[in-house]
Every structure is written in C-alpha cells, then in structure tokens.
Amino acid sequence: MRTTRRPGSYVCGIDAAMDVIGGKWKVLILWALHVRPHRFGELRRELPGVTEKVLTDQLRELELDGIVHREVYDEVPPRVEYSLTPLGTSLNQALSPLGAWGRENILGNVPHS
C-alpha cells in the first residue's frame, strides 16, 4: 500500500476504504477492469467525460495502492494493459453490495421511458 495514506487518523474501516476509492472515477475504473484487462484508450472510451490527466492520475494512485496492475509489453508500438490485482478483485467484491443497493434503491426508482 502507498505510504502517503494517513495511517492512525482513520476513524473506521469505511474511512480507510474511502481514502483508497475516493473520487468520481476510481470505482468506475474498478468496474471496467472487473470485466477484463483494458488498455488506456479502452478505459478512456468506457468512461466518457474523464480527462486523460485524471485517468492517468487515478490509475497511478490505484497502482500505488496495490489495486491495479500495470503491465508494459515490450512491443512496437508499446502496449500497456491495466488489470485488477487480487486486492483489487477483493475490493470490487466488497463494493458489489453497494452497487446492488444503488440498482435497487436509486436506479429502480428512475421512471423508464
């Protein structure tokens, strides 16, 4: 895990977890990588609205936290793929009930056209 976190200042486990996944894009990155590994451009297309800089920053933070693995292939042209680590997979599993709650209580209440 990244050493720049604020160990000792967390109030509870949720506080610590939110420090890792905080921000608009990190959970969406986790969701996309749950399906399969992605290249940077693929992630950018799956997350409309994210800027290249923000996606780069968020991926770096997730990598530093041990959630995402960045694989650089020695090819021409260079190829980089992002995938979930076992820690990232377990985080996605922990977020699954939250997604179910959102589908049930928020998306389920949206009128369908």
C-alpha atoms as a PDB file:
ATOM      1  CA  MET A   1       0.000   0.000   0.000  1.00  0.00           C
ATOM      2  CA  ARG A   2       1.034   3.550  -0.534  1.00  0.00           C
ATOM      3  CA  THR A   3       2.785   5.061   2.442  1.00  0.00           C
ATOM      4  CA  THR A   4       1.314   8.535   1.927  1.00  0.00           C
ATOM      5  CA  ARG A   5      -2.031   7.437   3.364  1.00  0.00           C
ATOM      6  CA  ARG A   6      -2.915   8.785   6.756  1.00  0.00           C
ATOM      7  CA  PRO A   7      -2.473   5.700   8.967  1.00  0.00           C
ATOM      8  CA  GLY A   8      -3.658   6.199  12.501  1.00  0.00           C
ATOM      9  CA  SER A   9      -6.020   9.019  11.557  1.00  0.00           C
ATOM     10  CA  TYR A  10      -8.801   6.813  10.192  1.00  0.00           C
ATOM     11  CA  VAL A  11     -11.988   6.744  12.198  1.00  0.00           C
ATOM     12  CA  CYS A  12     -13.069   3.322  10.900  1.00  0.00           C
ATOM     13  CA  GLY A  13     -12.582   0.816   8.096  1.00  0.00           C
ATOM     14  CA  ILE A  14     -15.011   2.650   5.834  1.00  0.00           C
ATOM     15  CA  ASP A  15     -12.947   5.814   6.226  1.00  0.00           C
ATOM     16  CA  ALA A  16      -9.814   3.889   5.217  1.00  0.00           C
ATOM     17  CA  ALA A  17     -11.547   2.243   2.239  1.00  0.00           C
ATOM     18  CA  MET A  18     -12.985   5.558   1.043  1.00  0.00           C
ATOM     19  CA  ASP A  19      -9.480   7.002   1.098  1.00  0.00           C
ATOM     20  CA  VAL A  20      -8.494   4.339  -1.454  1.00  0.00           C
ATOM     21  CA  ILE A  21     -11.562   4.638  -3.725  1.00  0.00           C
ATOM     22  CA  GLY A  22     -12.379   8.315  -3.213  1.00  0.00           C
ATOM     23  CA  GLY A  23     -13.128  10.341  -6.298  1.00  0.00           C
ATOM     24  CA  LYS A  24     -15.584  10.041  -9.133  1.00  0.00           C
ATOM     25  CA  TRP A  25     -13.601   7.732 -11.413  1.00  0.00           C
ATOM     26  CA  LYS A  26     -11.892   5.091  -9.270  1.00  0.00           C
ATOM     27  CA  VAL A  27     -14.931   2.875  -8.719  1.00  0.00           C
ATOM     28  CA  LEU A  28     -15.780   3.140 -12.426  1.00  0.00           C
ATOM     29  CA  ILE A  29     -12.228   2.090 -13.294  1.00  0.00           C
ATOM     30  CA  LEU A  30     -12.611  -0.878 -10.927  1.00  0.00           C
ATOM     31  CA  TRP A  31     -15.930  -1.788 -12.553  1.00  0.00           C
ATOM     32  CA  ALA A  32     -14.419  -1.704 -16.057  1.00  0.00           C
ATOM     33  CA  LEU A  33     -11.357  -3.733 -15.057  1.00  0.00           C
ATOM     34  CA  HIS A  34     -13.567  -6.318 -13.351  1.00  0.00           C
ATOM     35  CA  VAL A  35     -14.749  -7.405 -16.788  1.00  0.00           C
ATOM     36  CA  ARG A  36     -11.265  -7.776 -18.325  1.00  0.00           C
ATOM     37  CA  PRO A  37      -7.888  -6.036 -18.588  1.00  0.00           C
ATOM     38  CA  HIS A  38      -8.000  -2.799 -20.572  1.00  0.00           C
ATOM     39  CA  ARG A  39      -5.561  -0.605 -22.406  1.00  0.00           C
ATOM     40  CA  PHE A  40      -5.570   3.102 -21.539  1.00  0.00           C
ATOM     41  CA  GLY A  41      -7.560   4.120 -24.623  1.00  0.00           C
ATOM     42  CA  GLU A  42     -10.170   1.443 -23.974  1.00  0.00           C
ATOM     43  CA  LEU A  43     -10.665   2.709 -20.436  1.00  0.00           C
ATOM     44  CA  ARG A  44     -10.955   6.266 -21.683  1.00  0.00           C
ATOM     45  CA  ARG A  45     -13.695   5.249 -24.145  1.00  0.00           C
ATOM     46  CA  GLU A  46     -15.582   3.318 -21.450  1.00  0.00           C
ATOM     47  CA  LEU A  47     -15.536   6.308 -19.117  1.00  0.00           C
ATOM     48  CA  PRO A  48     -16.938   9.207 -21.138  1.00  0.00           C
ATOM     49  CA  GLY A  49     -16.119  12.529 -19.528  1.00  0.00           C
ATOM     50  CA  VAL A  50     -12.858  11.513 -17.878  1.00  0.00           C
ATOM     51  CA  THR A  51      -9.860  13.530 -18.990  1.00  0.00           C
ATOM     52  CA  GLU A  52      -6.584  11.883 -19.917  1.00  0.00           C
ATOM     53  CA  LYS A  53      -4.829  13.553 -16.976  1.00  0.00           C
ATOM     54  CA  VAL A  54      -7.427  12.484 -14.415  1.00  0.00           C
ATOM     55  CA  LEU A  55      -7.490   8.912 -15.713  1.00  0.00           C
ATOM     56  CA  THR A  56      -3.689   8.772 -15.610  1.00  0.00           C
ATOM     57  CA  ASP A  57      -3.624  10.152 -12.042  1.00  0.00           C
ATOM     58  CA  GLN A  58      -6.364   7.800 -10.822  1.00  0.00           C
ATOM     59  CA  LEU A  59      -4.685   4.748 -12.385  1.00  0.00           C
ATOM     60  CA  ARG A  60      -1.357   5.708 -10.799  1.00  0.00           C
ATOM     61  CA  GLU A  61      -2.970   6.048  -7.371  1.00  0.00           C
ATOM     62  CA  LEU A  62      -4.744   2.701  -7.728  1.00  0.00           C
ATOM     63  CA  GLU A  63      -1.461   1.138  -8.830  1.00  0.00           C
ATOM     64  CA  LEU A  64       0.400   2.612  -5.850  1.00  0.00           C
ATOM     65  CA  ASP A  65      -2.288   1.245  -3.544  1.00  0.00           C
ATOM     66  CA  GLY A  66      -1.884  -2.249  -4.994  1.00  0.00           C
ATOM     67  CA  ILE A  67      -5.385  -2.273  -6.508  1.00  0.00           C
ATOM     68  CA  VAL A  68      -4.443  -2.124 -10.197  1.00  0.00           C
ATOM     69  CA  HIS A  69      -1.575  -3.828 -12.014  1.00  0.00           C
ATOM     70  CA  ARG A  70       0.077  -2.046 -14.948  1.00  0.00           C
ATOM     71  CA  GLU A  71       1.675  -4.422 -17.452  1.00  0.00           C
ATOM     72  CA  VAL A  72       4.033  -2.941 -20.032  1.00  0.00           C
ATOM     73  CA  TYR A  73       4.658  -5.216 -23.014  1.00  0.00           C
ATOM     74  CA  ASP A  74       7.965  -4.964 -24.861  1.00  0.00           C
ATOM     75  CA  GLU A  75       6.420  -4.476 -28.296  1.00  0.00           C
ATOM     76  CA  VAL A  76       6.452  -1.926 -31.080  1.00  0.00           C
ATOM     77  CA  PRO A  77       4.286   0.051 -30.769  1.00  0.00           C
ATOM     78  CA  PRO A  78       4.371  -0.124 -26.958  1.00  0.00           C
ATOM     79  CA  ARG A  79       1.368  -1.731 -25.301  1.00  0.00           C
ATOM     80  CA  VAL A  80       0.255  -1.182 -21.700  1.00  0.00           C
ATOM     81  CA  GLU A  81      -2.623  -3.045 -20.052  1.00  0.00           C
ATOM     82  CA  TYR A  82      -4.278  -2.436 -16.721  1.00  0.00           C
ATOM     83  CA  SER A  83      -5.855  -5.217 -14.686  1.00  0.00           C
ATOM     84  CA  LEU A  84      -7.037  -5.812 -11.148  1.00  0.00           C
ATOM     85  CA  THR A  85      -4.705  -7.311  -8.588  1.00  0.00           C
ATOM     86  CA  PRO A  86      -6.105  -9.835  -6.097  1.00  0.00           C
ATOM     87  CA  LEU A  87      -6.517  -6.897  -3.700  1.00  0.00           C
ATOM     88  CA  GLY A  88      -8.436  -5.009  -6.396  1.00  0.00           C
ATOM     89  CA  THR A  89     -10.661  -8.014  -7.022  1.00  0.00           C
ATOM     90  CA  SER A  90     -11.460  -8.260  -3.303  1.00  0.00           C
ATOM     91  CA  LEU A  91     -12.233  -4.517  -3.245  1.00  0.00           C
ATOM     92  CA  ASN A  92     -14.614  -4.956  -6.180  1.00  0.00           C
ATOM     93  CA  GLN A  93     -16.318  -7.790  -4.300  1.00  0.00           C
ATOM     94  CA  ALA A  94     -16.696  -5.521  -1.287  1.00  0.00           C
ATOM     95  CA  LEU A  95     -18.269  -2.825  -3.492  1.00  0.00           C
ATOM     96  CA  SER A  96     -20.735  -5.265  -5.051  1.00  0.00           C
ATOM     97  CA  PRO A  97     -23.377  -4.867  -2.293  1.00  0.00           C
ATOM     98  CA  LEU A  98     -23.144  -1.089  -2.689  1.00  0.00           C
ATOM     99  CA  GLY A  99     -23.824  -1.461  -6.413  1.00  0.00           C
ATOM    100  CA  ALA A 100     -26.783  -3.721  -5.665  1.00  0.00           C
ATOM    101  CA  TRP A 101     -28.141  -1.120  -3.244  1.00  0.00           C
ATOM    102  CA  GLY A 102     -27.828   1.587  -5.920  1.00  0.00           C
ATOM    103  CA  ARG A 103     -29.589  -0.538  -8.537  1.00  0.00           C
ATOM    104  CA  GLU A 104     -32.380  -1.415  -6.126  1.00  0.00           C
ATOM    105  CA  ASN A 105     -32.929   1.916  -4.427  1.00  0.00           C
ATOM    106  CA  ILE A 106     -31.814   4.545  -6.912  1.00  0.00           C
ATOM    107  CA  LEU A 107     -31.941   3.097 -10.421  1.00  0.00           C
ATOM    108  CA  GLY A 108     -35.082   1.105  -9.583  1.00  0.00           C
ATOM    109  CA  ASN A 109     -36.872   4.356  -8.750  1.00  0.00           C
ATOM    110  CA  VAL A 110     -35.980   6.060 -12.028  1.00  0.00           C
ATOM    111  CA  PRO A 111     -39.006   6.196 -14.342  1.00  0.00           C
ATOM    112  CA  HIS A 112     -38.462   4.246 -17.548  1.00  0.00           C
ATOM    113  CA  SER A 113     -39.413   5.924 -20.828  1.00  0.00           C
END
